[in-house]
Protein backbone atom coordinates (compact mmCIF):
# COMPACT_ATOMS: atom_id res chain seq x y z
CA VAL A 1 -6.14 2.92 9.87
CA ARG A 2 -6.43 5.22 6.86
CA PRO A 3 -4.78 8.63 6.79
CA TYR A 4 -7.08 11.48 5.71
CA LEU A 5 -5.32 14.49 4.21
CA HIS A 6 -6.43 17.84 2.83
CA GLY A 7 -4.83 19.77 0.03
CA PRO A 8 -5.37 21.67 -3.20
CA ILE A 9 -7.56 20.28 -5.96
CA GLY A 10 -4.52 18.79 -7.73
CA LEU A 11 -3.29 16.74 -4.74
CA PRO A 12 -4.75 13.41 -5.94
CA ASP A 13 -3.06 13.86 -9.34
CA PHE A 14 0.23 14.76 -7.60
CA LEU A 15 0.03 11.52 -5.60
CA GLU A 16 -0.83 9.47 -8.70
CA LYS A 17 2.24 10.79 -10.50
CA THR A 18 4.64 10.85 -7.55
CA PHE A 19 3.82 7.49 -5.98
CA GLU A 20 2.09 5.80 -8.93
CA ALA A 21 -0.96 5.78 -6.68
CA VAL A 22 -4.13 4.12 -7.93
CA VAL A 23 -7.46 5.92 -7.57
CA LEU A 24 -9.97 3.50 -6.07
CA GLU A 25 -12.79 6.01 -5.59
CA ARG A 26 -13.21 9.59 -6.77
CA ASN A 27 -16.20 11.50 -5.40
CA GLU A 28 -17.37 14.59 -7.26
CA ASP A 29 -17.99 16.61 -4.11
CA GLY A 30 -16.00 14.59 -1.59
CA PRO A 31 -12.77 12.79 -0.88
CA THR A 32 -10.70 10.61 -3.22
CA LEU A 33 -9.52 7.20 -2.06
CA LEU A 34 -6.06 6.28 -3.31
CA GLN A 35 -3.88 3.22 -2.92
CA ILE A 36 -0.11 3.64 -2.52
CA GLY A 37 1.52 0.23 -2.44
CA ASP A 38 -0.59 -1.80 -0.02
CA SER A 39 -1.90 1.24 1.90
CA LEU A 40 -5.05 3.32 1.44
CA LEU A 41 -5.28 7.10 1.81
CA TRP A 42 -8.25 9.47 1.71
CA VAL A 43 -7.60 12.91 0.23
CA GLU A 44 -10.00 15.82 0.59
CA ALA A 45 -8.95 18.10 -2.25
CA GLY A 46 -10.12 21.63 -2.98
CA GLU A 47 -12.08 24.18 -1.04
CA LEU A 48 -13.56 23.15 2.29
CA PRO A 49 -16.85 24.39 3.69
CA PRO A 50 -16.39 27.65 5.64
CA HIS A 51 -16.93 25.95 9.01
CA VAL A 52 -14.08 23.43 8.44
CA THR A 53 -10.50 24.45 9.20
CA PRO A 54 -7.91 23.10 6.73
CA TRP A 55 -5.38 20.67 8.20
CA VAL A 56 -2.07 19.16 7.23
CA GLY A 57 -0.56 15.79 7.97
CA SER A 58 2.66 13.86 7.83
CA VAL A 59 2.94 10.50 6.07
CA TYR A 60 5.83 8.00 6.06
CA VAL A 61 5.82 5.82 2.94
CA TYR A 62 8.09 2.90 2.10
CA VAL A 63 8.95 2.89 -1.62
CA GLU A 64 11.16 0.86 -3.95
CA ASP A 65 13.24 3.83 -5.15
CA VAL A 66 13.56 6.80 -2.80
CA ASP A 67 15.54 8.90 -5.28
CA GLU A 68 13.02 8.39 -8.08
CA VAL A 69 9.99 9.26 -5.94
CA TYR A 70 11.76 12.28 -4.44
CA THR A 71 12.78 13.56 -7.90
CA ARG A 72 9.25 13.13 -9.30
CA ALA A 73 7.78 14.98 -6.32
CA LEU A 74 10.11 17.95 -6.78
CA GLU A 75 9.44 18.02 -10.53
CA LEU A 76 5.73 18.21 -9.69
CA GLY A 77 6.22 21.20 -7.38
CA ALA A 78 6.95 19.73 -3.96
CA LYS A 79 9.46 21.49 -1.71
CA SER A 80 12.41 19.52 -0.39
CA ILE A 81 12.96 19.19 3.34
CA ALA A 82 15.58 16.43 3.12
CA ALA A 83 17.47 15.11 0.09
CA PRO A 84 17.86 11.33 -0.25
CA GLU A 85 20.39 10.04 2.25
CA ASP A 86 21.45 6.71 3.73
CA LYS A 87 20.56 6.75 7.43
CA PRO A 88 22.34 4.94 10.29
CA TYR A 89 19.19 2.86 10.92
CA ASN A 90 19.59 1.08 7.55
CA GLU A 91 17.11 3.12 5.56
CA ARG A 92 17.52 5.44 2.59
CA GLN A 93 15.22 8.37 3.25
CA ALA A 94 14.08 11.70 1.80
CA GLY A 95 11.39 14.23 2.66
CA PHE A 96 9.26 16.81 0.90
CA VAL A 97 6.19 18.98 1.43
CA ASP A 98 3.31 19.03 -1.07
CA ALA A 99 1.41 22.14 -2.21
CA GLY A 100 -1.10 21.68 0.60
CA GLY A 101 1.57 21.68 3.31
CA ASN A 102 1.50 17.92 3.99
CA THR A 103 4.89 16.41 4.84
CA TRP A 104 5.93 13.20 3.07
CA TRP A 105 8.82 11.01 4.21
CA VAL A 106 9.83 8.33 1.73
CA SER A 107 12.10 5.51 2.76
CA ARG A 108 13.47 2.14 1.74
CA TYR A 109 14.73 -0.38 4.24
CA MET A 110 18.23 -1.40 3.17
CA GLY A 111 18.47 -4.58 5.24
CA ALA A 112 20.10 -5.49 8.51
CA ALA A 113 23.62 -4.25 9.10
CA SER A 114 26.30 -6.90 8.67
């Protein structure tokens, strides 16, 4: 399964900087394939043909450092929807929305409760 998101022309660069994503394929007039950790993500960035309605998505990403990723995202223009917080289900989690309206949840599993 590979998520397929739409956003402004700068969305692939935002993801590279926020998540240290690696561009695997960049198409001049098509989507960009990025790798975040061990997951792949297609991003359709820029203007869509008139017959295609823009869409937004929601992605849940496990990261090493929730606070660092969240801070980078906000510095790059994302809007916060949830500051980093330790959750009762043993995860540290934060959320933000990118310039295209896509919601990103970042989390780190903190281990089983003792």
